[in-house]
Amino acid sequence: MPQAWSNKDERQYKHVRQSELDRGRSRDEAESIAARTVNSQRREEGRTPNRSTQGTGNPNSRLESRTVDELRNRAKQLSIAGRSRMNKGDLITAIRARQ
């Protein structure tokens, strides 16, 4: 657990990790989910330098529900040229064409 986490964050991490283990997840998967949950909560509360995720968003969510930053990160993974100049609609179209 990162040093920046508070005691509350550590308790939440342990609780979520145990819940995921009880649901039958592997230890690595449970730890990953728990850490992402805590970090997401910290971001929402403004306790991190970045207010938004640096990732590509939930892969199970629709592209329309993701942020432009998440779409740009996904476009980068797919090596889509010109992504920095694209708006949200253009990014969604380009990503769907590449997948």
N, C-alpha and C. Protein backbone atom coordinates (compact mmCIF):
# COMPACT_ATOMS: atom_id res chain seq x y z
N MET A 1 0.83 -1.18 0.00
CA MET A 1 0.00 0.00 0.00
C MET A 1 0.87 1.25 0.00
N PRO A 2 0.56 2.20 -0.83
CA PRO A 2 1.36 3.42 -0.92
C PRO A 2 1.38 4.20 0.39
N GLN A 3 2.47 4.92 0.64
CA GLN A 3 2.59 5.70 1.87
C GLN A 3 1.61 6.86 1.90
N ALA A 4 1.17 7.34 0.76
CA ALA A 4 0.26 8.48 0.71
C ALA A 4 -1.14 8.13 1.21
N TRP A 5 -1.43 6.85 1.34
CA TRP A 5 -2.75 6.45 1.79
C TRP A 5 -2.91 6.71 3.28
N SER A 6 -4.10 7.12 3.66
CA SER A 6 -4.43 7.33 5.08
C SER A 6 -4.82 5.99 5.70
N ASN A 7 -5.02 6.01 7.00
CA ASN A 7 -5.48 4.78 7.68
C ASN A 7 -6.83 4.35 7.13
N LYS A 8 -7.70 5.32 6.83
CA LYS A 8 -9.00 5.01 6.25
C LYS A 8 -8.84 4.32 4.90
N ASP A 9 -7.91 4.83 4.08
CA ASP A 9 -7.66 4.22 2.77
C ASP A 9 -7.19 2.78 2.91
N GLU A 10 -6.32 2.54 3.87
CA GLU A 10 -5.81 1.18 4.10
C GLU A 10 -6.94 0.24 4.55
N ARG A 11 -7.82 0.75 5.43
CA ARG A 11 -8.95 -0.08 5.87
C ARG A 11 -9.88 -0.38 4.69
N GLN A 12 -10.15 0.63 3.86
CA GLN A 12 -11.01 0.43 2.71
C GLN A 12 -10.37 -0.59 1.76
N TYR A 13 -9.07 -0.48 1.53
CA TYR A 13 -8.34 -1.41 0.66
C TYR A 13 -8.52 -2.85 1.17
N LYS A 14 -8.28 -3.05 2.46
CA LYS A 14 -8.38 -4.40 3.03
C LYS A 14 -9.80 -4.94 2.92
N HIS A 15 -10.79 -4.07 3.15
CA HIS A 15 -12.18 -4.50 3.09
C HIS A 15 -12.56 -4.90 1.65
N VAL A 16 -12.20 -4.06 0.67
CA VAL A 16 -12.53 -4.36 -0.72
C VAL A 16 -11.79 -5.61 -1.18
N ARG A 17 -10.51 -5.72 -0.81
CA ARG A 17 -9.72 -6.90 -1.20
C ARG A 17 -10.37 -8.18 -0.66
N GLN A 18 -10.78 -8.15 0.62
CA GLN A 18 -11.40 -9.33 1.22
C GLN A 18 -12.74 -9.64 0.55
N SER A 19 -13.51 -8.61 0.22
CA SER A 19 -14.79 -8.82 -0.47
C SER A 19 -14.58 -9.50 -1.82
N GLU A 20 -13.56 -9.06 -2.54
CA GLU A 20 -13.27 -9.64 -3.85
C GLU A 20 -12.76 -11.08 -3.72
N LEU A 21 -11.97 -11.34 -2.69
CA LEU A 21 -11.51 -12.72 -2.45
C LEU A 21 -12.70 -13.62 -2.12
N ASP A 22 -13.64 -13.10 -1.33
CA ASP A 22 -14.84 -13.87 -0.98
C ASP A 22 -15.69 -14.16 -2.21
N ARG A 23 -15.61 -13.30 -3.21
CA ARG A 23 -16.37 -13.50 -4.45
C ARG A 23 -15.67 -14.47 -5.39
N GLY A 24 -14.48 -14.92 -5.01
CA GLY A 24 -13.77 -15.92 -5.81
C GLY A 24 -12.70 -15.37 -6.73
N ARG A 25 -12.35 -14.12 -6.59
CA ARG A 25 -11.29 -13.55 -7.42
C ARG A 25 -9.93 -14.05 -6.93
N SER A 26 -8.96 -14.05 -7.83
CA SER A 26 -7.60 -14.42 -7.44
C SER A 26 -7.03 -13.31 -6.57
N ARG A 27 -5.96 -13.62 -5.85
CA ARG A 27 -5.35 -12.63 -4.95
C ARG A 27 -4.87 -11.40 -5.72
N ASP A 28 -4.19 -11.61 -6.85
CA ASP A 28 -3.70 -10.49 -7.66
C ASP A 28 -4.85 -9.63 -8.17
N GLU A 29 -5.90 -10.28 -8.64
CA GLU A 29 -7.06 -9.55 -9.16
C GLU A 29 -7.74 -8.75 -8.05
N ALA A 30 -7.89 -9.36 -6.89
CA ALA A 30 -8.54 -8.70 -5.75
C ALA A 30 -7.72 -7.49 -5.30
N GLU A 31 -6.40 -7.62 -5.26
CA GLU A 31 -5.55 -6.50 -4.86
C GLU A 31 -5.62 -5.37 -5.87
N SER A 32 -5.66 -5.71 -7.14
CA SER A 32 -5.75 -4.70 -8.19
C SER A 32 -7.06 -3.93 -8.09
N ILE A 33 -8.16 -4.64 -7.93
CA ILE A 33 -9.48 -4.00 -7.81
C ILE A 33 -9.53 -3.11 -6.58
N ALA A 34 -9.00 -3.60 -5.48
CA ALA A 34 -9.02 -2.83 -4.23
C ALA A 34 -8.20 -1.54 -4.38
N ALA A 35 -7.03 -1.63 -4.96
CA ALA A 35 -6.18 -0.45 -5.14
C ALA A 35 -6.85 0.56 -6.06
N ARG A 36 -7.44 0.09 -7.14
CA ARG A 36 -8.13 1.00 -8.07
C ARG A 36 -9.31 1.68 -7.39
N THR A 37 -10.02 0.94 -6.55
CA THR A 37 -11.16 1.51 -5.83
C THR A 37 -10.71 2.62 -4.90
N VAL A 38 -9.67 2.36 -4.12
CA VAL A 38 -9.15 3.37 -3.19
C VAL A 38 -8.64 4.59 -3.94
N ASN A 39 -7.87 4.37 -5.00
CA ASN A 39 -7.32 5.49 -5.76
C ASN A 39 -8.41 6.31 -6.43
N SER A 40 -9.46 5.65 -6.90
CA SER A 40 -10.58 6.35 -7.50
C SER A 40 -11.26 7.25 -6.46
N GLN A 41 -11.46 6.72 -5.27
CA GLN A 41 -12.06 7.48 -4.18
C GLN A 41 -11.20 8.69 -3.82
N ARG A 42 -9.90 8.49 -3.76
CA ARG A 42 -8.98 9.58 -3.45
C ARG A 42 -9.03 10.67 -4.52
N ARG A 43 -9.14 10.25 -5.80
CA ARG A 43 -9.25 11.22 -6.89
C ARG A 43 -10.52 12.04 -6.77
N GLU A 44 -11.65 11.37 -6.49
CA GLU A 44 -12.93 12.05 -6.36
C GLU A 44 -12.92 13.06 -5.22
N GLU A 45 -12.19 12.76 -4.15
CA GLU A 45 -12.11 13.64 -2.99
C GLU A 45 -11.05 14.72 -3.17
N GLY A 46 -10.30 14.69 -4.27
CA GLY A 46 -9.30 15.71 -4.53
C GLY A 46 -8.01 15.52 -3.75
N ARG A 47 -7.73 14.30 -3.33
CA ARG A 47 -6.52 14.04 -2.54
C ARG A 47 -5.37 13.52 -3.38
N THR A 48 -5.47 13.67 -4.69
CA THR A 48 -4.39 13.28 -5.60
C THR A 48 -4.07 14.45 -6.53
N PRO A 49 -2.87 14.46 -7.12
CA PRO A 49 -2.53 15.56 -8.02
C PRO A 49 -3.43 15.62 -9.25
N ASN A 50 -3.90 14.48 -9.73
CA ASN A 50 -4.74 14.41 -10.92
C ASN A 50 -6.18 14.15 -10.52
N ARG A 51 -7.08 15.00 -10.99
CA ARG A 51 -8.50 14.83 -10.67
C ARG A 51 -9.15 13.75 -11.54
N SER A 52 -8.53 13.39 -12.65
CA SER A 52 -9.10 12.39 -13.52
C SER A 52 -8.12 11.24 -13.69
N THR A 53 -8.64 10.15 -14.17
CA THR A 53 -7.84 8.95 -14.37
C THR A 53 -6.84 9.14 -15.50
N GLN A 54 -5.76 8.43 -15.44
CA GLN A 54 -4.78 8.44 -16.51
C GLN A 54 -4.97 7.24 -17.43
N GLY A 55 -6.02 6.46 -17.17
CA GLY A 55 -6.25 5.24 -17.92
C GLY A 55 -7.14 5.44 -19.13
N THR A 56 -7.73 4.35 -19.58
CA THR A 56 -8.56 4.36 -20.78
C THR A 56 -10.03 4.18 -20.44
N GLY A 57 -10.37 4.20 -19.17
CA GLY A 57 -11.77 4.03 -18.78
C GLY A 57 -12.13 2.57 -18.63
N ASN A 58 -13.32 2.36 -18.13
CA ASN A 58 -13.83 1.00 -17.94
C ASN A 58 -14.06 0.35 -19.29
N PRO A 59 -13.40 -0.77 -19.56
CA PRO A 59 -13.56 -1.40 -20.87
C PRO A 59 -14.98 -1.92 -21.11
N ASN A 60 -15.77 -2.05 -20.05
CA ASN A 60 -17.14 -2.52 -20.20
C ASN A 60 -18.12 -1.38 -20.42
N SER A 61 -17.65 -0.13 -20.32
CA SER A 61 -18.55 1.01 -20.51
C SER A 61 -18.53 1.44 -21.97
N ARG A 62 -19.60 2.13 -22.37
CA ARG A 62 -19.68 2.63 -23.74
C ARG A 62 -18.66 3.74 -23.93
N LEU A 63 -18.20 3.89 -25.14
CA LEU A 63 -17.22 4.93 -25.43
C LEU A 63 -17.78 6.32 -25.12
N GLU A 64 -19.07 6.51 -25.35
CA GLU A 64 -19.70 7.81 -25.11
C GLU A 64 -19.67 8.23 -23.65
N SER A 65 -19.57 7.27 -22.74
CA SER A 65 -19.57 7.61 -21.31
C SER A 65 -18.15 7.89 -20.78
N ARG A 66 -17.14 7.70 -21.61
CA ARG A 66 -15.76 7.95 -21.19
C ARG A 66 -15.38 9.41 -21.42
N THR A 67 -14.36 9.87 -20.70
CA THR A 67 -13.90 11.24 -20.88
C THR A 67 -13.03 11.34 -22.12
N VAL A 68 -12.81 12.56 -22.59
CA VAL A 68 -11.96 12.79 -23.75
C VAL A 68 -10.54 12.29 -23.45
N ASP A 69 -10.05 12.54 -22.23
CA ASP A 69 -8.71 12.06 -21.87
C ASP A 69 -8.62 10.54 -21.96
N GLU A 70 -9.64 9.85 -21.47
CA GLU A 70 -9.65 8.39 -21.54
C GLU A 70 -9.69 7.92 -23.00
N LEU A 71 -10.48 8.61 -23.82
CA LEU A 71 -10.55 8.25 -25.24
C LEU A 71 -9.21 8.51 -25.93
N ARG A 72 -8.55 9.60 -25.58
CA ARG A 72 -7.23 9.87 -26.18
C ARG A 72 -6.21 8.82 -25.77
N ASN A 73 -6.28 8.38 -24.50
CA ASN A 73 -5.37 7.33 -24.05
C ASN A 73 -5.63 6.03 -24.82
N ARG A 74 -6.91 5.71 -25.05
CA ARG A 74 -7.25 4.51 -25.82
C ARG A 74 -6.77 4.65 -27.26
N ALA A 75 -6.95 5.86 -27.84
CA ALA A 75 -6.49 6.11 -29.20
C ALA A 75 -4.98 5.96 -29.30
N LYS A 76 -4.28 6.38 -28.25
CA LYS A 76 -2.82 6.23 -28.23
C LYS A 76 -2.44 4.75 -28.26
N GLN A 77 -3.15 3.93 -27.47
CA GLN A 77 -2.89 2.49 -27.47
C GLN A 77 -3.08 1.90 -28.86
N LEU A 78 -4.06 2.44 -29.59
CA LEU A 78 -4.37 1.93 -30.93
C LEU A 78 -3.55 2.61 -32.02
N SER A 79 -2.62 3.50 -31.63
CA SER A 79 -1.74 4.22 -32.57
C SER A 79 -2.53 5.01 -33.61
N ILE A 80 -3.55 5.73 -33.16
CA ILE A 80 -4.36 6.56 -34.05
C ILE A 80 -3.68 7.92 -34.19
N ALA A 81 -3.31 8.27 -35.41
CA ALA A 81 -2.63 9.54 -35.67
C ALA A 81 -3.62 10.70 -35.59
N GLY A 82 -3.15 11.85 -35.13
CA GLY A 82 -3.97 13.05 -35.07
C GLY A 82 -4.93 13.10 -33.91
N ARG A 83 -4.80 12.21 -32.96
CA ARG A 83 -5.75 12.12 -31.85
C ARG A 83 -5.79 13.38 -30.98
N SER A 84 -4.68 14.10 -30.89
CA SER A 84 -4.65 15.29 -30.03
C SER A 84 -5.53 16.41 -30.58
N ARG A 85 -5.81 16.39 -31.86
CA ARG A 85 -6.65 17.42 -32.48
C ARG A 85 -8.10 16.99 -32.62
N MET A 86 -8.42 15.76 -32.23
CA MET A 86 -9.78 15.24 -32.40
C MET A 86 -10.67 15.62 -31.22
N ASN A 87 -11.95 15.84 -31.52
CA ASN A 87 -12.92 16.04 -30.45
C ASN A 87 -13.47 14.68 -30.04
N LYS A 88 -14.37 14.66 -29.10
CA LYS A 88 -14.86 13.40 -28.55
C LYS A 88 -15.52 12.53 -29.63
N GLY A 89 -16.35 13.12 -30.46
CA GLY A 89 -17.02 12.37 -31.52
C GLY A 89 -16.04 11.76 -32.51
N ASP A 90 -15.03 12.56 -32.89
CA ASP A 90 -14.01 12.05 -33.81
C ASP A 90 -13.22 10.90 -33.20
N LEU A 91 -12.90 11.03 -31.91
CA LEU A 91 -12.15 9.96 -31.22
C LEU A 91 -12.96 8.67 -31.19
N ILE A 92 -14.25 8.79 -30.88
CA ILE A 92 -15.11 7.60 -30.82
C ILE A 92 -15.17 6.92 -32.19
N THR A 93 -15.35 7.72 -33.24
CA THR A 93 -15.40 7.17 -34.60
C THR A 93 -14.08 6.48 -34.97
N ALA A 94 -12.96 7.12 -34.66
CA ALA A 94 -11.65 6.54 -35.00
C ALA A 94 -11.38 5.26 -34.22
N ILE A 95 -11.76 5.24 -32.95
CA ILE A 95 -11.54 4.06 -32.12
C ILE A 95 -12.39 2.90 -32.63
N ARG A 96 -13.64 3.17 -32.94
CA ARG A 96 -14.53 2.10 -33.45
C ARG A 96 -14.02 1.57 -34.78
N ALA A 97 -13.47 2.42 -35.62
CA ALA A 97 -12.94 1.98 -36.92
C ALA A 97 -11.71 1.10 -36.75
N ARG A 98 -10.95 1.32 -35.68
CA ARG A 98 -9.69 0.60 -35.46
C ARG A 98 -9.91 -0.70 -34.70
N GLN A 99 -10.97 -0.82 -33.93
CA GLN A 99 -11.16 -2.02 -33.10
C GLN A 99 -11.65 -3.19 -33.90
